[in-house]
Each structure stands twice: as C-alpha cells, then as structure tokens.
Amino acid sequence: MKNIPMSSAAFEQTSAWRAALASARRGAARAALAATFACAALSALVAAPAQAAPIDSLIKSVKFDDVDGVNKLLAKGMDPNSVDNQGIPLLVIAAREKSDKAGAALLANPKTNIEIEDKAGENAMMMAALAGDLNFVNLLIAKDAEVNKKGWAPLHYAAANGHDDIVKVLLDHSAYVDAGSPNGTTPLMMAARGGHVSTVKLLLDNGADLTVKNQIGMTALDFAKTYKEPDVVEGLTARLQQMQQK
C-alpha cells in the first residue's frame, strides 16, 4: 500500500491527540496510585489494634493472675489502688478472682490500701472469705488486715458460703462470732440460711448466740425454717432444747 503523506495540520492534530492521551493515562495512573495508597492507609488504620491503656493492662493482669505483668506495671508507677470502670479496686478484684499471686504482689506494694472497698462496701478480706480462698485470707491477715470490719464482716461472708476453714481462721484471729450486720444479721444466721450444718455447729461451738434476733425479729432458727433447711432446723432446735434444760 502506498504511504499517503500526512499534512502538517493532521500531524499536529495527531500529535496533540497522542500527547493528550498520554497525559490522561499519566493522570489516571497517578489517581489509581493515590487511591491504592489511600486504601492501604485506611486498611492499616482499621486493622491496627487499639493500644490498651496501662490501667486496662493492669486490670487484666490482676484478673488473670499475671504476677509478672502486675509487677512490671507497678514498677512503672501505676497506682496499686486503681479501680476498674465499675469502681472495683485491684485488690478486691484479685480476691474475687482468686488471683493469689497478683494479690500478693499488690500487698507487697507499700502504697496499697489493704482496707480499700468497692462501691458496695466490700473489701478484699470479705471477697476472699466469700470465695473460699484461705490462702488469700492468710495473706491479708499477715498484713494486719481488719478482721472485725464494722457492718458486714468477713465472718458473715465466710459463713454464708459454708467455708469452715476460713471461719475457723477468722475466729482464731479474734473475729467477733456474733458480729451484727447493719440490719442485725449474724454469721450464724447466714450459715443457717445457707443450710451449712457444719458451719452452724462450728459457730455455736465457738460461742455464737442462737437466740439473737435481727431487726425484723428473726433468729438463726427462723432463717433455717424460712429457707427450708431441715437439717439446720433440727440441729438448732436440739441446741435450743439443751440450753433450756440447763
């Protein structure tokens, strides 16, 4: 085929068209590249895990009894009396979760308030007694934690769940056997309510008064009857009869 010469105007139009096409391609490439970078940055932002606050890390370490984590954060100056978002202090969390190693680390810190309470007025000794954690109770006693807390006391909590070993330790450390809660409820009443026969006997053998009444006039025997605990009813009735025969 014969080559047909191109006019200058046609050549210029063709050159201009090619230049425009090349420019458009370069612009599209730059836009695509920018979009790629933007997507990558967005993906990185979305995928990047949120950095946990130091207090969250400390709370988690206490809950999971991670003593190394606790010691590391305390060494950085974290407050051993910090609370979680529900106002529960670290030491109370440790007692509740039976995190004995973490609890020991907190107790070893001179800044730790051993008697610190949550919003319900519960401290570490009470929660350890409720959980049946004798080791934690002993750790607290070794640090001179208060055994006879005013109001609801550790002995109430230990008796409520029938933890005889803790009841005995508390009594051995001069816990008041007939401690009265704000409404006059005693540890014996709590043990009777829960149907804990051996705990009831232990308290009675240590001088608990089964004739004491709370603010609504209920005795330990009344609690056992109300909560349908026949074995406790039988035992308390027998004790009461023995008292009356003397």
Protein backbone atom coordinates (compact mmCIF):
# COMPACT_ATOMS: atom_id res chain seq x y z
CA MET A 1 0.00 0.00 0.00
CA LYS A 2 1.24 3.42 -0.87
CA ASN A 3 2.04 5.70 2.04
CA ILE A 4 -0.05 8.84 1.96
CA PRO A 5 1.79 11.82 3.30
CA MET A 6 0.17 13.44 6.34
CA SER A 7 -0.49 17.13 6.30
CA SER A 8 1.13 19.32 8.92
CA ALA A 9 -2.27 20.09 10.40
CA ALA A 10 -3.17 16.42 10.55
CA PHE A 11 0.20 15.62 12.03
CA GLU A 12 -0.22 18.33 14.63
CA GLN A 13 -3.72 17.09 15.48
CA THR A 14 -2.43 13.55 15.79
CA SER A 15 0.50 14.65 17.96
CA ALA A 16 -1.80 16.71 20.14
CA TRP A 17 -4.18 13.77 20.48
CA ARG A 18 -1.32 11.45 21.43
CA ALA A 19 0.00 13.96 23.95
CA ALA A 20 -3.46 14.38 25.47
CA LEU A 21 -3.88 10.61 25.63
CA ALA A 22 -0.51 10.18 27.32
CA SER A 23 -1.33 12.95 29.79
CA ALA A 24 -4.69 11.35 30.56
CA ARG A 25 -3.02 8.00 31.08
CA ARG A 26 -0.47 9.55 33.42
CA GLY A 27 -3.27 11.29 35.34
CA ALA A 28 -5.23 8.05 35.62
CA ALA A 29 -2.15 6.24 36.82
CA ARG A 30 -1.48 8.88 39.45
CA ALA A 31 -5.13 8.73 40.58
CA ALA A 32 -5.01 4.94 40.77
CA LEU A 33 -1.78 5.08 42.72
CA ALA A 34 -3.22 7.65 45.11
CA ALA A 35 -6.33 5.53 45.56
CA THR A 36 -4.14 2.50 46.28
CA PHE A 37 -2.21 4.41 48.94
CA ALA A 38 -5.44 5.72 50.44
CA CYS A 39 -6.93 2.23 50.63
CA ALA A 40 -3.74 0.86 52.13
CA ALA A 41 -3.68 3.63 54.74
CA LEU A 42 -7.35 3.05 55.57
CA SER A 43 -6.81 -0.70 55.84
CA ALA A 44 -3.85 -0.16 58.12
CA LEU A 45 -5.90 2.19 60.26
CA VAL A 46 -8.76 -0.27 60.53
CA ALA A 47 -6.53 -3.30 61.06
CA ALA A 48 -4.24 -1.68 63.61
CA PRO A 49 -5.26 -2.81 67.10
CA ALA A 50 -6.18 -0.10 69.57
CA GLN A 51 -3.45 0.50 72.08
CA ALA A 52 -4.65 -0.67 75.50
CA ALA A 53 -4.42 1.91 78.27
CA PRO A 54 -1.98 0.99 81.05
CA ILE A 55 -4.80 0.71 83.61
CA ASP A 56 -6.63 -1.78 81.36
CA SER A 57 -3.47 -3.85 81.11
CA LEU A 58 -3.04 -3.78 84.88
CA ILE A 59 -6.64 -4.83 85.50
CA LYS A 60 -6.29 -7.68 83.01
CA SER A 61 -3.05 -8.83 84.63
CA VAL A 62 -4.73 -8.91 88.04
CA LYS A 63 -7.76 -10.82 86.75
CA PHE A 64 -5.62 -13.47 85.09
CA ASP A 65 -3.14 -13.66 87.97
CA ASP A 66 -0.29 -12.48 85.74
CA VAL A 67 2.14 -11.53 88.50
CA ASP A 68 4.89 -10.54 86.05
CA GLY A 69 2.52 -8.13 84.31
CA VAL A 70 1.38 -6.69 87.63
CA ASN A 71 4.94 -6.20 88.89
CA LYS A 72 6.04 -4.64 85.59
CA LEU A 73 3.23 -2.07 85.60
CA LEU A 74 3.59 -1.28 89.30
CA ALA A 75 7.33 -0.73 88.74
CA LYS A 76 6.38 1.88 86.12
CA GLY A 77 4.46 3.80 88.75
CA MET A 78 0.91 2.52 88.29
CA ASP A 79 -1.30 3.08 91.33
CA PRO A 80 -1.97 -0.22 93.19
CA ASN A 81 -5.22 1.32 94.45
CA SER A 82 -6.62 1.85 90.95
CA VAL A 83 -10.18 0.74 90.20
CA ASP A 84 -11.88 -0.67 87.11
CA ASN A 85 -14.75 1.01 85.27
CA GLN A 86 -17.17 -0.32 87.89
CA GLY A 87 -15.23 1.16 90.75
CA ILE A 88 -13.81 -2.16 91.96
CA PRO A 89 -10.26 -1.83 93.37
CA LEU A 90 -7.49 -4.06 92.08
CA LEU A 91 -7.04 -5.82 95.42
CA VAL A 92 -10.75 -6.65 95.59
CA ILE A 93 -10.62 -7.96 92.01
CA ALA A 94 -7.68 -10.18 92.94
CA ALA A 95 -9.59 -11.58 95.93
CA ARG A 96 -12.75 -12.15 93.92
CA GLU A 97 -10.88 -13.92 91.10
CA LYS A 98 -8.63 -15.92 93.46
CA SER A 99 -5.60 -14.28 91.86
CA ASP A 100 -3.33 -15.05 94.78
CA LYS A 101 -0.01 -14.24 93.09
CA ALA A 102 -1.27 -10.92 91.78
CA GLY A 103 -2.81 -10.21 95.17
CA ALA A 104 0.49 -10.92 96.91
CA ALA A 105 2.23 -8.50 94.51
CA LEU A 106 -0.29 -5.79 95.32
CA LEU A 107 0.06 -6.44 99.05
CA ALA A 108 3.83 -6.17 98.77
CA ASN A 109 3.47 -2.61 97.49
CA PRO A 110 3.70 -0.14 100.40
CA LYS A 111 1.17 2.16 98.71
CA THR A 112 -1.60 -0.46 98.68
CA ASN A 113 -4.60 0.28 100.88
CA ILE A 114 -5.44 -3.14 102.34
CA GLU A 115 -8.87 -2.00 103.51
CA ILE A 116 -9.90 -0.35 100.23
CA GLU A 117 -13.57 -1.02 99.39
CA ASP A 118 -15.71 -1.19 96.28
CA LYS A 119 -18.93 0.79 95.89
CA ALA A 120 -20.84 -1.88 97.83
CA GLY A 121 -18.53 -1.52 100.81
CA GLU A 122 -16.79 -4.86 100.20
CA ASN A 123 -13.06 -5.22 100.72
CA ALA A 124 -10.54 -7.89 99.78
CA MET A 125 -10.89 -9.82 103.05
CA MET A 126 -14.64 -10.10 102.56
CA MET A 127 -14.35 -11.25 98.96
CA ALA A 128 -11.63 -13.78 99.76
CA ALA A 129 -13.81 -15.15 102.57
CA LEU A 130 -16.80 -15.39 100.23
CA ALA A 131 -14.73 -17.10 97.54
CA GLY A 132 -13.28 -19.59 100.00
CA ASP A 133 -9.70 -18.51 99.29
CA LEU A 134 -7.95 -19.40 102.55
CA ASN A 135 -4.52 -18.55 101.15
CA PHE A 136 -5.61 -15.01 100.30
CA VAL A 137 -7.24 -14.61 103.71
CA ASN A 138 -3.98 -15.63 105.36
CA LEU A 139 -2.03 -13.21 103.14
CA LEU A 140 -4.30 -10.39 104.26
CA ILE A 141 -4.12 -11.36 107.93
CA ALA A 142 -0.33 -11.42 107.68
CA LYS A 143 -0.56 -7.80 106.52
CA ASP A 144 -2.75 -6.92 109.54
CA ALA A 145 -5.98 -6.61 107.55
CA GLU A 146 -9.02 -5.86 109.72
CA VAL A 147 -10.88 -8.99 110.77
CA ASN A 148 -13.72 -7.25 112.58
CA LYS A 149 -14.93 -4.86 109.91
CA LYS A 150 -17.86 -2.73 111.03
CA GLY A 151 -21.16 -3.74 109.43
CA TRP A 152 -20.98 -6.74 107.14
CA ALA A 153 -17.82 -8.55 108.19
CA PRO A 154 -15.62 -11.23 106.61
CA LEU A 155 -17.11 -13.77 109.02
CA HIS A 156 -20.57 -13.13 107.55
CA TYR A 157 -19.22 -13.84 104.08
CA ALA A 158 -17.35 -17.00 105.04
CA ALA A 159 -20.36 -18.34 106.94
CA ALA A 160 -22.75 -17.54 104.10
CA ASN A 161 -20.94 -19.98 101.81
CA GLY A 162 -20.03 -22.53 104.47
CA HIS A 163 -16.25 -22.07 104.30
CA ASP A 164 -15.43 -23.67 107.64
CA ASP A 165 -11.65 -23.38 107.24
CA ILE A 166 -11.91 -19.61 106.83
CA VAL A 167 -14.48 -19.31 109.62
CA LYS A 168 -12.04 -21.06 111.93
CA VAL A 169 -9.08 -18.87 110.90
CA LEU A 170 -11.13 -15.71 111.41
CA LEU A 171 -12.32 -16.88 114.81
CA ASP A 172 -8.74 -17.80 115.74
CA HIS A 173 -7.81 -14.20 114.95
CA SER A 174 -10.48 -12.79 117.27
CA ALA A 175 -13.32 -12.30 114.80
CA TYR A 176 -16.47 -11.43 116.76
CA VAL A 177 -18.67 -14.53 116.49
CA ASP A 178 -21.94 -12.62 116.82
CA ALA A 179 -20.98 -9.73 114.55
CA GLY A 180 -24.07 -7.81 113.57
CA SER A 181 -24.63 -6.50 110.06
CA PRO A 182 -26.38 -3.14 109.55
CA ASN A 183 -29.72 -4.97 109.91
CA GLY A 184 -28.58 -7.10 112.82
CA THR A 185 -27.91 -10.31 110.89
CA THR A 186 -25.22 -12.52 112.42
CA PRO A 187 -22.84 -15.04 110.82
CA LEU A 188 -24.88 -17.82 112.44
CA MET A 189 -27.99 -16.57 110.66
CA MET A 190 -26.13 -16.53 107.34
CA ALA A 191 -24.89 -20.08 107.85
CA ALA A 192 -28.39 -21.22 108.81
CA ARG A 193 -29.88 -19.50 105.77
CA GLY A 194 -27.45 -21.35 103.51
CA GLY A 195 -28.05 -24.72 105.14
CA HIS A 196 -24.42 -25.15 106.20
CA VAL A 197 -24.77 -27.56 109.13
CA SER A 198 -21.06 -27.89 109.89
CA THR A 199 -20.63 -24.11 109.85
CA VAL A 200 -23.57 -23.65 112.19
CA LYS A 201 -22.04 -26.18 114.59
CA LEU A 202 -18.62 -24.52 114.37
CA LEU A 203 -20.07 -21.12 115.21
CA LEU A 204 -22.15 -22.50 118.07
CA ASP A 205 -19.13 -24.34 119.47
CA ASN A 206 -17.30 -21.02 119.44
CA GLY A 207 -19.98 -19.27 121.45
CA ALA A 208 -22.47 -17.99 118.85
CA ASP A 209 -25.78 -16.98 120.45
CA LEU A 210 -28.68 -18.69 118.67
CA THR A 211 -31.23 -16.52 120.50
CA VAL A 212 -30.05 -13.27 118.90
CA LYS A 213 -32.64 -11.58 116.68
CA ASN A 214 -32.09 -9.25 113.74
CA GLN A 215 -34.03 -6.03 113.18
CA ILE A 216 -37.13 -7.83 111.94
CA GLY A 217 -37.09 -10.24 114.87
CA MET A 218 -35.67 -13.32 113.13
CA THR A 219 -33.30 -15.75 114.86
CA ALA A 220 -30.98 -18.24 113.17
CA LEU A 221 -33.67 -20.91 113.66
CA ASP A 222 -36.20 -18.67 111.92
CA PHE A 223 -33.80 -18.29 108.99
CA ALA A 224 -33.43 -22.08 108.72
CA LYS A 225 -37.19 -22.54 108.77
CA THR A 226 -37.85 -19.74 106.27
CA TYR A 227 -35.30 -21.07 103.80
CA LYS A 228 -36.38 -24.67 104.33
CA GLU A 229 -33.16 -26.14 105.71
CA PRO A 230 -34.44 -29.13 107.76
CA ASP A 231 -31.03 -30.35 108.93
CA VAL A 232 -30.17 -26.94 110.36
CA VAL A 233 -33.62 -26.64 111.91
CA GLU A 234 -33.09 -29.99 113.64
CA GLY A 235 -29.64 -29.07 114.90
CA LEU A 236 -30.61 -25.63 116.19
CA THR A 237 -33.76 -26.99 117.82
CA ALA A 238 -31.69 -29.60 119.64
CA ARG A 239 -29.24 -26.92 120.81
CA LEU A 240 -32.06 -24.72 121.98
CA GLN A 241 -33.57 -27.56 124.00
CA GLN A 242 -30.20 -28.26 125.61
CA MET A 243 -29.98 -24.61 126.64
CA GLN A 244 -33.45 -24.67 128.15
CA GLN A 245 -32.67 -27.79 130.18
CA LYS A 246 -29.69 -26.21 131.90
